[in-house]
Amino acid sequence: MVTCAMDLHHSVWVGAVWWSWTLQWYHLPSMKGLPSEADFVVIGAGIAGLRAAIELARAGQVLVLGKKEILYSPAAGDNAAGLSDEDEVILHLQDTLIAGDGLCIPEAAKTLVDEAPGRIEEIIDWGAHLVKGGTKLVFGSEGVHSRNRMLHAQGDSTSRETLRALHAKAQTLKNISLHESDFSTELETEDGCVTGVSLITEKGLPQEISCSAVLLATGGMGQVYRNTTNPDGATGDGVAMAFRAGAEVSDMEFVQFHPTALYVKKASHFLLADALRGEGAHLRNIEMDRFMGKYHPMAEQAPDDLVARAIMHEMEVSHARDAFVYLDLTHLKASQVQKHFGRIYATCLEYNIDITEDLIPVRPAAHYSVGGVRTDLNGATNLAGLYAAGEAAATGVHGANRFASNSLLEGLVYGARAGKAMREELKQPWRSASVPKKAASQNGPVDAGLEELIGQIQDMMWKDAGIVRTRIGMQDAFKKLEALAPRVAHPRTRRAWEAANLHLAGSLVVRAALAREESRGAHYRTDYPMRDDKKFLKHSVVKGDQLKFV
């Protein structure tokens, strides 16, 4: 890639104490007054972005541009994986490679598992409170992990606790300034090198910021789909910005759908973690029968993509207008469920569901984008001065299917690696002044037509490029997306930019999925149901109008 120049303190925070810091976090004041230049710009204030910013702070001024989703991380709902006394790095690597279904880049996966223990120790040193028994960390089970590796904090919200610790650490570093309400729109380039970023400020004014290098850590693109566990801001902004600037994107066809998201009308699709099934939860159809045994010998412990397809089939054969299935924990010990899954328990109670006594209505939802901006092991892209990390990046760690809980580790490990690479290759920032442009308001009345357009994109992606795909369906979706292109051209408001980014991200998913004429990992086609290693043991790479497998 081209570039330009455990000492643990255990604390269980529950009830009012936990909500106290959560509410304070949601209302953190943004730094006022955007500069016209910085040494580094990090777009995204999740785990990968903050970890990179911490690394960069020792080398120069770091501007972190969030999107009012400061509490969101690409690993939301996941736990961190660590090494217990009976575990080994090689076993974690083997599990990761198996989940990747032949497409993991071994060096990338090995880098992840080798460096993960050090990154976990690091966040503990920075104040992350992970559950322990006596003097040792407590490791829980989850899904297809061959060993107990799950590290818990605040019940099941390890990602939130990790993000809290990173944010607290970043606040101690004077070179980091966080602006959480400014929306990045485009990457600025000169002679093939990324030199800055264009954005819409909180007040709705366009601005440009010059810098030495940009890191994209914008998270996922779950809002491409009607049903998703992702927050409203997960609109594929990083992938879209990078692609428009000429960067390569890779493996966009591999979108992971979580099989069990809470399904309650007028409620967000809250993720019910794999760890619930790891603890022994059962899946039941509308007739109350356990059904996973007829789809896979591992039943509820089967890989997520297979469980998601099984649920979709059960929903289809039920012929119900508003179909769903149930997740059943009622046979498990109530005190253990409340202890291990405190956040899930509390959230479901808000919808009058006591998970220790009631069945939980669930259905699949888009959860994680395996693909993204193509990078090397240091986060560098094919564009000089541009880096990516976390869910926005495609490092090759996940292959065709992300292994449960590796996403949090990826944010820590590759966020740190990208920050280090950017720091070591610091060049003098471009000193071009920011030139004010005609104001573009993002605070005007809601554009009903724009929301309808976004809904159309989400519906067609869910129907034709979702969990189960066909050539005919995807061709129809691509034609419809092409027809909608003029309606997302020339965006000026924040929401219009999000619509354009969703449209582009959806188009990239469909293009790659149509080209991959096989089923592998998170990508399943009924017209090509078998894996084809002869033709497709390769990664899809899209740049401009060209798509190839490498």
Protein backbone atom coordinates (compact mmCIF):
# COMPACT_ATOMS: atom_id res chain seq x y z
CA MET A 1 0.00 0.00 0.00
CA VAL A 2 1.10 3.58 -0.67
CA THR A 3 1.52 6.00 2.24
CA CYS A 4 2.56 9.66 2.67
CA ALA A 5 5.26 11.11 4.49
CA MET A 6 -2.66 -6.68 35.29
CA ASP A 7 -3.27 -5.22 38.22
CA LEU A 8 -7.08 -5.24 38.14
CA HIS A 9 -9.50 -3.27 40.22
CA HIS A 10 -12.91 -4.94 40.05
CA SER A 11 -15.96 -2.80 40.37
CA VAL A 12 -19.52 -3.81 39.60
CA TRP A 13 -21.48 -0.77 38.53
CA VAL A 14 -25.23 -1.28 38.52
CA GLY A 15 -28.43 0.73 38.62
CA ALA A 16 -28.11 4.43 39.26
CA VAL A 17 -24.32 4.49 39.19
CA TRP A 18 -24.09 2.95 35.72
CA TRP A 19 -26.78 5.19 34.30
CA SER A 20 -25.14 8.20 35.88
CA TRP A 21 -21.97 8.01 33.79
CA THR A 22 -23.94 6.87 30.73
CA LEU A 23 -26.13 9.96 30.77
CA GLN A 24 -23.13 12.20 31.39
CA TRP A 25 -21.39 10.60 28.41
CA TYR A 26 -24.34 11.23 26.12
CA HIS A 27 -24.14 14.91 26.95
CA LEU A 28 -20.42 15.49 26.67
CA PRO A 29 -19.82 18.98 25.29
CA SER A 30 -18.13 19.15 21.90
CA MET A 31 -14.92 21.13 21.51
CA LYS A 32 -15.87 24.49 20.00
CA GLY A 33 -14.27 26.05 16.96
CA LEU A 34 -13.05 23.70 14.26
CA PRO A 35 -9.47 24.37 13.12
CA SER A 36 -8.62 24.75 9.45
CA GLU A 37 -5.75 22.27 9.77
CA ALA A 38 -4.45 19.50 12.02
CA ASP A 39 -1.65 16.97 11.95
CA PHE A 40 -4.13 14.07 11.86
CA VAL A 41 -7.88 13.73 11.33
CA VAL A 42 -9.69 10.68 12.71
CA ILE A 43 -13.24 10.28 11.40
CA GLY A 44 -15.13 8.21 13.93
CA ALA A 45 -15.17 8.22 17.74
CA GLY A 46 -15.68 4.52 18.39
CA ILE A 47 -13.16 1.98 19.67
CA ALA A 48 -10.91 1.96 16.59
CA GLY A 49 -10.95 5.73 16.21
CA LEU A 50 -10.20 6.56 19.84
CA ARG A 51 -7.49 3.91 20.09
CA ALA A 52 -5.80 5.36 17.01
CA ALA A 53 -6.15 8.90 18.35
CA ILE A 54 -4.43 7.91 21.59
CA GLU A 55 -1.56 6.50 19.57
CA LEU A 56 -1.34 9.61 17.41
CA ALA A 57 -1.43 12.12 20.26
CA ARG A 58 2.27 11.74 21.01
CA ALA A 59 3.14 12.94 17.49
CA GLY A 60 0.91 15.94 16.90
CA GLN A 61 -2.52 17.53 17.01
CA VAL A 62 -5.33 15.00 16.50
CA LEU A 63 -8.80 16.09 15.46
CA VAL A 64 -11.47 13.42 16.10
CA LEU A 65 -14.71 13.95 14.19
CA GLY A 66 -17.63 12.00 15.64
CA LYS A 67 -21.24 11.83 14.56
CA LYS A 68 -23.21 12.08 17.82
CA GLU A 69 -22.88 8.32 18.24
CA ILE A 70 -20.03 8.53 20.73
CA LEU A 71 -21.41 5.58 22.67
CA TYR A 72 -21.53 3.41 19.58
CA SER A 73 -18.75 1.05 18.65
CA PRO A 74 -18.60 -1.52 15.85
CA ALA A 75 -18.53 -4.19 18.52
CA ALA A 76 -21.74 -3.00 20.17
CA GLY A 77 -23.38 -5.92 21.94
CA ASP A 78 -20.24 -8.02 21.78
CA ASN A 79 -17.88 -9.09 24.51
CA ALA A 80 -14.11 -9.03 24.26
CA ALA A 81 -12.25 -12.29 23.75
CA GLY A 82 -9.23 -12.90 25.96
CA LEU A 83 -6.92 -15.76 26.83
CA SER A 84 -7.73 -17.83 29.90
CA ASP A 85 -5.26 -20.19 31.57
CA GLU A 86 -6.61 -23.15 29.58
CA ASP A 87 -6.62 -21.32 26.26
CA GLU A 88 -3.90 -20.74 23.65
CA VAL A 89 -3.36 -18.17 20.90
CA ILE A 90 -3.23 -20.95 18.29
CA LEU A 91 -6.70 -22.14 19.31
CA HIS A 92 -8.16 -18.65 18.95
CA LEU A 93 -6.48 -18.40 15.55
CA GLN A 94 -7.89 -21.76 14.44
CA ASP A 95 -11.41 -20.74 15.47
CA THR A 96 -11.05 -17.46 13.58
CA LEU A 97 -9.84 -19.19 10.40
CA ILE A 98 -12.65 -21.74 10.53
CA ALA A 99 -15.28 -19.02 10.88
CA GLY A 100 -13.73 -17.12 7.95
CA ASP A 101 -14.62 -20.01 5.62
CA GLY A 102 -11.34 -20.02 3.70
CA LEU A 103 -11.00 -16.28 3.10
CA CYS A 104 -9.19 -15.03 6.20
CA ILE A 105 -5.77 -13.59 5.42
CA PRO A 106 -3.73 -15.74 7.84
CA GLU A 107 -1.19 -13.03 8.63
CA ALA A 108 -3.96 -10.57 9.48
CA ALA A 109 -5.76 -13.04 11.72
CA LYS A 110 -2.51 -14.05 13.44
CA THR A 111 -1.66 -10.41 14.06
CA LEU A 112 -5.05 -9.97 15.72
CA VAL A 113 -4.78 -12.89 18.13
CA ASP A 114 -1.08 -12.26 18.88
CA GLU A 115 -1.58 -8.61 19.81
CA ALA A 116 -5.01 -8.85 21.43
CA PRO A 117 -3.81 -9.83 24.95
CA GLY A 118 -1.58 -6.77 25.10
CA ARG A 119 -4.40 -4.48 24.00
CA ILE A 120 -6.73 -5.97 26.65
CA GLU A 121 -4.12 -5.42 29.37
CA GLU A 122 -3.72 -1.88 28.09
CA ILE A 123 -7.39 -0.91 28.47
CA ILE A 124 -7.41 -2.44 31.95
CA ASP A 125 -4.45 -0.24 32.82
CA TRP A 126 -6.47 2.71 31.50
CA GLY A 127 -9.36 1.93 33.82
CA ALA A 128 -11.62 -0.62 32.09
CA HIS A 129 -13.45 -2.66 34.74
CA LEU A 130 -13.66 -6.29 33.61
CA VAL A 131 -15.23 -8.92 35.83
CA LYS A 132 -12.91 -11.15 37.80
CA GLY A 133 -13.12 -13.82 40.44
CA GLY A 134 -10.51 -13.36 43.13
CA THR A 135 -7.37 -12.17 41.35
CA LYS A 136 -8.17 -13.61 37.91
CA LEU A 137 -10.34 -12.53 35.03
CA VAL A 138 -13.58 -14.46 34.59
CA PHE A 139 -14.01 -16.00 31.14
CA GLY A 140 -17.44 -16.98 29.82
CA SER A 141 -18.59 -19.08 26.88
CA GLU A 142 -20.06 -17.92 23.60
CA GLY A 143 -21.35 -19.73 20.54
CA VAL A 144 -18.68 -21.41 18.43
CA HIS A 145 -15.68 -20.51 20.60
CA SER A 146 -13.81 -23.73 21.44
CA ARG A 147 -12.74 -22.30 24.83
CA ASN A 148 -14.20 -19.91 27.38
CA ARG A 149 -12.92 -16.52 26.19
CA MET A 150 -15.62 -13.94 26.88
CA LEU A 151 -14.66 -11.08 29.16
CA HIS A 152 -17.63 -9.38 30.77
CA ALA A 153 -18.16 -5.89 32.11
CA GLN A 154 -21.38 -4.27 33.31
CA GLY A 155 -23.28 -7.49 32.67
CA ASP A 156 -22.72 -7.93 28.94
CA SER A 157 -21.64 -4.45 27.75
CA THR A 158 -17.88 -4.95 27.42
CA SER A 159 -17.76 -2.72 24.34
CA ARG A 160 -19.32 0.18 26.24
CA GLU A 161 -16.90 -0.23 29.12
CA THR A 162 -13.98 -0.41 26.68
CA LEU A 163 -15.17 2.72 24.91
CA ARG A 164 -15.62 4.51 28.25
CA ALA A 165 -12.04 3.69 29.26
CA LEU A 166 -10.67 4.84 25.88
CA HIS A 167 -12.60 8.07 26.07
CA ALA A 168 -11.36 8.73 29.59
CA LYS A 169 -7.79 8.11 28.45
CA ALA A 170 -8.20 10.37 25.41
CA GLN A 171 -9.46 13.17 27.64
CA THR A 172 -6.14 13.18 29.49
CA LEU A 173 -4.19 13.88 26.28
CA LYS A 174 -4.03 17.55 25.39
CA ASN A 175 -3.27 16.90 21.71
CA ILE A 176 -6.66 15.26 21.12
CA SER A 177 -9.72 17.41 20.41
CA LEU A 178 -13.11 15.79 19.92
CA HIS A 179 -15.90 17.28 17.82
CA GLU A 180 -18.88 14.98 18.06
CA SER A 181 -21.48 16.84 15.97
CA ASP A 182 -19.73 17.59 12.67
CA PHE A 183 -20.51 15.45 9.64
CA SER A 184 -17.68 14.48 7.29
CA THR A 185 -18.72 14.46 3.64
CA GLU A 186 -15.72 14.08 1.31
CA LEU A 187 -11.99 13.41 1.31
CA GLU A 188 -9.82 16.12 -0.22
CA THR A 189 -7.08 14.87 -2.56
CA GLU A 190 -4.14 16.32 -4.44
CA ASP A 191 -1.95 14.37 -6.87
CA GLY A 192 -3.30 11.04 -5.61
CA CYS A 193 -2.72 11.87 -1.94
CA VAL A 194 -5.44 12.53 0.63
CA THR A 195 -4.78 15.98 2.04
CA GLY A 196 -7.82 16.70 4.16
CA VAL A 197 -11.53 16.38 4.67
CA SER A 198 -14.67 18.37 3.83
CA LEU A 199 -17.48 18.47 6.34
CA ILE A 200 -20.71 20.09 7.41
CA THR A 201 -20.33 21.75 10.80
CA GLU A 202 -22.83 21.47 13.62
CA LYS A 203 -24.25 24.82 12.45
CA GLY A 204 -24.75 23.52 8.91
CA LEU A 205 -21.78 25.30 7.33
CA PRO A 206 -19.34 23.63 4.90
CA GLN A 207 -15.70 23.60 5.98
CA GLU A 208 -12.44 22.04 4.84
CA ILE A 209 -9.65 20.84 7.11
CA SER A 210 -6.12 20.16 5.82
CA CYS A 211 -4.03 17.46 7.47
CA SER A 212 -1.14 15.05 7.12
CA ALA A 213 -3.28 11.90 7.06
CA VAL A 214 -6.89 10.79 7.55
CA LEU A 215 -8.10 7.68 9.37
CA LEU A 216 -11.56 6.35 8.54
CA ALA A 217 -13.03 4.64 11.61
CA THR A 218 -16.67 5.30 10.82
CA GLY A 219 -18.11 1.91 11.75
CA GLY A 220 -20.64 -0.03 9.72
CA MET A 221 -23.42 0.40 7.20
CA GLY A 222 -26.28 -1.51 8.83
CA GLN A 223 -28.78 1.21 7.92
CA VAL A 224 -28.58 -0.03 4.33
CA TYR A 225 -31.08 -2.65 5.53
CA ARG A 226 -34.60 -2.25 6.89
CA ASN A 227 -33.84 -4.43 9.93
CA THR A 228 -30.55 -3.74 11.69
CA THR A 229 -28.97 -3.71 15.12
CA ASN A 230 -26.89 -0.68 14.11
CA PRO A 231 -27.63 2.88 15.27
CA ASP A 232 -29.10 5.50 12.96
CA GLY A 233 -25.65 6.85 12.12
CA ALA A 234 -24.34 3.61 10.61
CA THR A 235 -24.80 4.77 7.02
CA GLY A 236 -21.58 3.54 5.40
CA ASP A 237 -20.01 7.02 5.35
CA GLY A 238 -16.37 5.89 5.48
CA VAL A 239 -16.68 3.35 2.67
CA ALA A 240 -18.56 5.85 0.52
CA MET A 241 -16.06 8.67 1.08
CA ALA A 242 -13.12 6.38 0.37
CA PHE A 243 -14.66 4.91 -2.78
CA ARG A 244 -15.53 8.33 -4.21
CA ALA A 245 -11.92 9.41 -3.62
CA GLY A 246 -10.56 6.42 -5.56
CA ALA A 247 -9.85 3.90 -2.79
CA GLU A 248 -10.34 0.17 -3.20
CA VAL A 249 -13.13 -1.55 -1.27
CA SER A 250 -13.12 -5.27 -0.66
CA ASP A 251 -15.43 -8.13 0.38
CA MET A 252 -18.56 -5.98 0.40
CA GLU A 253 -20.76 -8.99 -0.32
CA PHE A 254 -20.13 -10.40 3.16
CA VAL A 255 -22.69 -8.81 5.46
CA GLN A 256 -23.25 -10.59 8.74
CA PHE A 257 -26.85 -10.81 9.93
CA HIS A 258 -27.31 -11.45 13.61
CA PRO A 259 -29.94 -14.17 14.07
CA THR A 260 -31.49 -12.88 17.29
CA ALA A 261 -32.47 -9.23 17.49
CA LEU A 262 -35.32 -8.17 19.77
CA TYR A 263 -38.46 -7.80 17.67
CA VAL A 264 -41.01 -5.53 19.30
CA LYS A 265 -43.08 -3.08 17.28
CA LYS A 266 -41.84 0.52 17.47
CA ALA A 267 -38.65 -0.61 19.23
CA SER A 268 -35.11 -0.62 17.91
CA HIS A 269 -33.71 -4.00 16.89
CA PHE A 270 -31.69 -4.53 20.06
CA LEU A 271 -29.09 -7.29 19.71
CA LEU A 272 -29.52 -10.38 21.89
CA ALA A 273 -25.96 -11.66 22.07
CA ASP A 274 -24.71 -15.05 20.91
CA ALA A 275 -23.65 -15.59 24.51
CA LEU A 276 -27.31 -16.21 25.39
CA ARG A 277 -27.31 -19.29 23.19
CA GLY A 278 -23.86 -20.10 24.51
CA GLU A 279 -25.37 -20.21 28.00
CA GLY A 280 -28.07 -22.62 26.79
CA ALA A 281 -30.96 -20.51 25.42
CA HIS A 282 -33.31 -22.34 23.04
CA LEU A 283 -34.92 -21.15 19.82
CA ARG A 284 -38.61 -21.98 19.33
CA ASN A 285 -40.89 -21.34 16.37
CA ILE A 286 -44.36 -19.85 16.56
CA GLU A 287 -45.73 -23.29 17.44
CA MET A 288 -43.32 -23.43 20.40
CA ASP A 289 -41.20 -26.24 18.91
CA ARG A 290 -37.41 -26.20 19.07
CA PHE A 291 -36.31 -26.28 15.44
CA MET A 292 -32.55 -25.81 15.15
CA GLY A 293 -31.81 -29.53 15.49
CA LYS A 294 -33.21 -30.21 12.03
CA TYR A 295 -30.89 -27.62 10.45
CA HIS A 296 -27.56 -28.40 12.14
CA PRO A 297 -26.25 -31.00 14.63
CA MET A 298 -24.99 -28.17 16.85
CA ALA A 299 -28.55 -26.80 17.08
CA GLU A 300 -28.48 -23.32 18.70
CA GLN A 301 -24.68 -23.43 18.80
CA ALA A 302 -24.46 -23.50 14.99
CA PRO A 303 -22.75 -20.59 13.17
CA ASP A 304 -24.73 -17.35 13.08
CA ASP A 305 -25.30 -17.31 9.31
CA LEU A 306 -26.87 -20.77 9.39
CA VAL A 307 -29.01 -19.89 12.41
CA ALA A 308 -30.19 -16.72 10.66
CA ARG A 309 -31.20 -18.66 7.53
CA ALA A 310 -32.97 -21.28 9.64
CA ILE A 311 -34.98 -18.59 11.42
CA MET A 312 -35.89 -16.97 8.10
CA HIS A 313 -37.14 -20.33 6.82
CA GLU A 314 -39.22 -20.92 9.95
CA MET A 315 -40.72 -17.45 9.58
CA GLU A 316 -41.51 -18.10 5.93
CA VAL A 317 -43.25 -21.45 6.48
CA SER A 318 -45.32 -19.99 9.32
CA HIS A 319 -47.12 -17.82 6.74
CA ALA A 320 -47.56 -15.21 9.45
CA ARG A 321 -47.91 -11.63 8.25
CA ASP A 322 -45.63 -10.34 11.00
CA ALA A 323 -43.40 -13.37 11.51
CA PHE A 324 -40.83 -13.97 14.25
CA VAL A 325 -39.52 -16.78 16.46
CA TYR A 326 -38.80 -16.98 20.18
CA LEU A 327 -35.62 -17.10 22.22
CA ASP A 328 -36.25 -19.07 25.41
CA LEU A 329 -34.16 -18.63 28.58
CA THR A 330 -36.85 -19.59 31.05
CA HIS A 331 -35.18 -22.92 31.89
CA LEU A 332 -31.95 -21.18 32.96
CA LYS A 333 -31.21 -20.00 36.49
CA ALA A 334 -32.69 -16.52 36.83
CA SER A 335 -29.95 -15.12 39.05
CA GLN A 336 -27.24 -16.16 36.59
CA VAL A 337 -29.11 -14.68 33.64
CA GLN A 338 -29.50 -11.36 35.45
CA LYS A 339 -25.84 -11.36 36.52
CA HIS A 340 -24.31 -12.24 33.15
CA PHE A 341 -26.73 -10.35 30.92
CA GLY A 342 -27.65 -7.30 32.95
CA ARG A 343 -28.02 -4.90 30.04
CA ILE A 344 -30.13 -7.32 27.99
CA TYR A 345 -32.30 -8.02 31.03
CA ALA A 346 -32.82 -4.32 31.73
CA THR A 347 -33.51 -3.43 28.10
CA CYS A 348 -36.11 -6.16 27.64
CA LEU A 349 -37.83 -5.09 30.87
CA GLU A 350 -38.39 -1.70 29.24
CA TYR A 351 -40.65 -3.55 26.80
CA ASN A 352 -42.35 -5.55 29.56
CA ILE A 353 -40.37 -8.70 28.80
CA ASP A 354 -38.75 -10.47 31.77
CA ILE A 355 -36.28 -12.76 30.01
CA THR A 356 -36.12 -15.07 33.05
CA GLU A 357 -39.87 -15.74 32.78
CA ASP A 358 -41.02 -14.70 29.30
CA LEU A 359 -40.18 -15.86 25.80
CA ILE A 360 -38.38 -13.19 23.76
CA PRO A 361 -39.67 -12.43 20.22
CA VAL A 362 -36.70 -12.26 17.84
CA ARG A 363 -35.84 -12.13 14.16
CA PRO A 364 -32.59 -11.61 12.23
CA ALA A 365 -31.15 -8.16 11.56
CA ALA A 366 -28.14 -6.78 9.70
CA HIS A 367 -25.33 -6.49 12.22
CA TYR A 368 -21.79 -6.34 10.84
CA SER A 369 -20.14 -5.43 7.57
CA VAL A 370 -17.22 -7.80 7.03
CA GLY A 371 -15.99 -5.87 4.02
CA GLY A 372 -14.92 -2.27 3.75
CA VAL A 373 -12.01 -0.09 2.64
CA ARG A 374 -9.15 -2.39 1.64
CA THR A 375 -6.07 -1.98 3.85
CA ASP A 376 -2.78 -3.63 4.71
CA LEU A 377 -1.84 -4.75 8.22
CA ASN A 378 -1.11 -1.15 9.22
CA GLY A 379 -4.40 0.28 8.03
CA ALA A 380 -2.91 1.86 4.90
CA THR A 381 -5.06 1.98 1.77
CA ASN A 382 -4.11 2.31 -1.90
CA LEU A 383 -4.43 6.10 -1.51
CA ALA A 384 -1.51 7.93 0.03
CA GLY A 385 -2.45 9.61 3.29
CA LEU A 386 -5.61 7.51 3.81
CA TYR A 387 -5.98 4.83 6.47
CA ALA A 388 -8.93 2.82 7.77
CA ALA A 389 -9.58 0.71 10.86
CA GLY A 390 -12.40 -1.14 12.56
CA GLU A 391 -15.60 -2.11 10.79
CA ALA A 392 -15.03 0.44 8.03
CA ALA A 393 -11.88 -1.45 6.98
CA ALA A 394 -11.31 -4.76 5.23
CA THR A 395 -8.08 -6.14 6.70
CA GLY A 396 -8.77 -9.78 5.86
CA VAL A 397 -9.09 -10.71 9.54
CA HIS A 398 -12.68 -11.92 9.22
CA GLY A 399 -12.55 -13.64 5.84
CA ALA A 400 -16.09 -14.43 4.71
CA ASN A 401 -17.64 -14.38 8.17
CA ARG A 402 -16.60 -12.53 11.34
CA PHE A 403 -15.79 -14.80 14.26
CA ALA A 404 -17.86 -13.84 17.29
CA SER A 405 -16.31 -11.06 19.42
CA ASN A 406 -13.28 -10.47 17.20
CA SER A 407 -14.67 -7.08 16.15
CA LEU A 408 -13.90 -5.41 19.48
CA LEU A 409 -10.38 -6.80 19.37
CA GLU A 410 -9.99 -5.67 15.77
CA GLY A 411 -10.85 -2.11 16.76
CA LEU A 412 -8.21 -2.13 19.49
CA VAL A 413 -5.45 -3.95 17.60
CA TYR A 414 -5.81 -2.35 14.18
CA GLY A 415 -6.73 1.05 15.57
CA ALA A 416 -3.40 1.03 17.42
CA ARG A 417 -1.51 -0.25 14.38
CA ALA A 418 -3.01 2.40 12.09
CA GLY A 419 -2.22 5.13 14.59
CA LYS A 420 1.36 3.96 14.88
CA ALA A 421 1.81 3.83 11.10
CA MET A 422 0.38 7.32 10.66
CA ARG A 423 2.55 8.64 13.48
CA GLU A 424 5.74 7.16 12.12
CA GLU A 425 5.13 8.52 8.64
CA LEU A 426 4.10 12.01 9.69
CA LYS A 427 4.77 14.61 7.03
CA GLN A 428 4.31 18.36 7.22
CA PRO A 429 0.57 19.08 6.93
CA TRP A 430 -0.79 21.01 4.00
CA ARG A 431 -1.14 24.63 4.99
CA SER A 432 -4.02 25.60 2.71
CA ALA A 433 -6.53 27.83 4.46
CA SER A 434 -10.13 26.75 4.83
CA VAL A 435 -12.29 28.69 2.38
CA PRO A 436 -15.91 29.26 3.49
CA LYS A 437 -18.51 28.15 0.98
CA LYS A 438 -22.20 28.78 0.57
CA ALA A 439 -23.99 27.57 3.69
CA ALA A 440 -25.78 24.24 3.52
CA SER A 441 -28.30 23.81 6.31
CA GLN A 442 -28.72 20.42 7.95
CA ASN A 443 -31.26 21.75 10.42
CA GLY A 444 -34.15 22.51 8.11
CA PRO A 445 -37.53 20.73 7.87
CA VAL A 446 -37.56 16.97 7.35
CA ASP A 447 -37.54 16.05 3.68
CA ALA A 448 -40.32 13.48 3.45
CA GLY A 449 -39.27 12.51 -0.04
CA LEU A 450 -35.72 11.82 1.13
CA GLU A 451 -36.91 9.58 3.95
CA GLU A 452 -39.12 7.71 1.51
CA LEU A 453 -36.13 7.23 -0.78
CA ILE A 454 -34.01 5.84 2.07
CA GLY A 455 -36.86 3.49 2.96
CA GLN A 456 -36.96 2.22 -0.62
CA ILE A 457 -33.23 1.45 -0.53
CA GLN A 458 -33.55 -0.34 2.80
CA ASP A 459 -36.52 -2.43 1.69
CA MET A 460 -34.99 -3.56 -1.60
CA MET A 461 -31.67 -4.41 0.06
CA TRP A 462 -33.44 -6.47 2.75
CA LYS A 463 -35.54 -8.30 0.16
CA ASP A 464 -32.99 -8.90 -2.60
CA ALA A 465 -29.49 -8.58 -1.09
CA GLY A 466 -30.09 -9.76 2.44
CA ILE A 467 -29.77 -13.13 4.18
CA VAL A 468 -30.82 -15.21 1.14
CA ARG A 469 -29.90 -13.98 -2.36
CA THR A 470 -30.61 -14.85 -5.99
CA ARG A 471 -29.29 -13.52 -9.29
CA ILE A 472 -32.73 -12.34 -10.40
CA GLY A 473 -33.37 -10.54 -7.13
CA MET A 474 -30.00 -8.80 -7.07
CA GLN A 475 -30.21 -7.79 -10.73
CA ASP A 476 -33.58 -6.23 -10.02
CA ALA A 477 -32.15 -4.41 -6.98
CA PHE A 478 -29.21 -3.09 -8.97
CA LYS A 479 -31.49 -1.73 -11.71
CA LYS A 480 -33.63 0.00 -9.13
CA LEU A 481 -30.57 1.48 -7.43
CA GLU A 482 -29.34 2.79 -10.77
CA ALA A 483 -32.72 4.40 -11.38
CA LEU A 484 -32.54 6.10 -7.98
CA ALA A 485 -29.03 7.50 -8.57
CA PRO A 486 -30.18 10.93 -9.85
CA ARG A 487 -32.17 11.45 -6.67
CA VAL A 488 -29.08 11.18 -4.45
CA ALA A 489 -26.79 13.23 -6.70
CA HIS A 490 -25.40 16.56 -5.45
CA PRO A 491 -26.26 16.25 -1.74
CA ARG A 492 -25.98 19.35 0.42
CA THR A 493 -27.57 18.52 3.78
CA ARG A 494 -26.33 15.93 6.27
CA ARG A 495 -29.31 13.63 5.65
CA ALA A 496 -28.91 13.94 1.88
CA TRP A 497 -25.27 12.87 2.24
CA GLU A 498 -26.39 9.89 4.33
CA ALA A 499 -28.86 8.91 1.62
CA ALA A 500 -26.11 9.13 -1.00
CA ASN A 501 -23.79 7.04 1.15
CA LEU A 502 -26.44 4.38 1.75
CA HIS A 503 -27.17 4.25 -1.97
CA LEU A 504 -23.49 3.81 -2.82
CA ALA A 505 -22.86 1.23 -0.08
CA GLY A 506 -25.88 -0.78 -1.19
CA SER A 507 -24.73 -0.68 -4.80
CA LEU A 508 -21.28 -1.96 -3.80
CA VAL A 509 -22.82 -4.84 -1.85
CA VAL A 510 -25.01 -5.86 -4.79
CA ARG A 511 -22.18 -5.61 -7.33
CA ALA A 512 -19.89 -7.85 -5.30
CA ALA A 513 -22.66 -10.30 -4.39
CA LEU A 514 -23.68 -10.69 -8.03
CA ALA A 515 -20.09 -11.37 -9.05
CA ARG A 516 -19.53 -14.04 -6.38
CA GLU A 517 -21.35 -17.00 -7.89
CA GLU A 518 -21.11 -19.29 -4.89
CA SER A 519 -22.20 -19.46 -1.24
CA ARG A 520 -19.55 -18.82 1.37
CA GLY A 521 -19.64 -17.52 4.93
CA ALA A 522 -22.18 -14.74 5.32
CA HIS A 523 -22.95 -14.71 1.57
CA TYR A 524 -25.64 -17.22 0.56
CA ARG A 525 -27.21 -17.67 -2.88
CA THR A 526 -29.95 -20.20 -3.61
CA ASP A 527 -28.85 -20.35 -7.27
CA TYR A 528 -25.24 -21.13 -6.23
CA PRO A 529 -25.67 -22.92 -2.88
CA MET A 530 -22.22 -24.56 -2.83
CA ARG A 531 -18.78 -23.15 -2.09
CA ASP A 532 -16.51 -22.92 -5.15
CA ASP A 533 -12.86 -22.81 -4.10
CA LYS A 534 -11.61 -23.19 -7.67
CA LYS A 535 -13.06 -19.86 -8.78
CA PHE A 536 -13.75 -17.89 -5.64
CA LEU A 537 -11.12 -18.59 -3.02
CA LYS A 538 -10.32 -14.92 -3.54
CA HIS A 539 -11.34 -11.47 -2.31
CA SER A 540 -13.58 -9.17 -4.33
CA VAL A 541 -12.00 -5.77 -4.93
CA VAL A 542 -13.91 -2.84 -6.41
CA LYS A 543 -12.36 0.42 -7.57
CA GLY A 544 -14.41 2.75 -9.72
CA ASP A 545 -16.11 0.76 -12.47
CA GLN A 546 -13.78 -2.24 -12.11
CA LEU A 547 -14.46 -5.34 -10.02
CA LYS A 548 -11.94 -8.15 -9.76
CA PHE A 549 -11.11 -11.12 -7.54
CA VAL A 550 -7.61 -11.25 -6.10
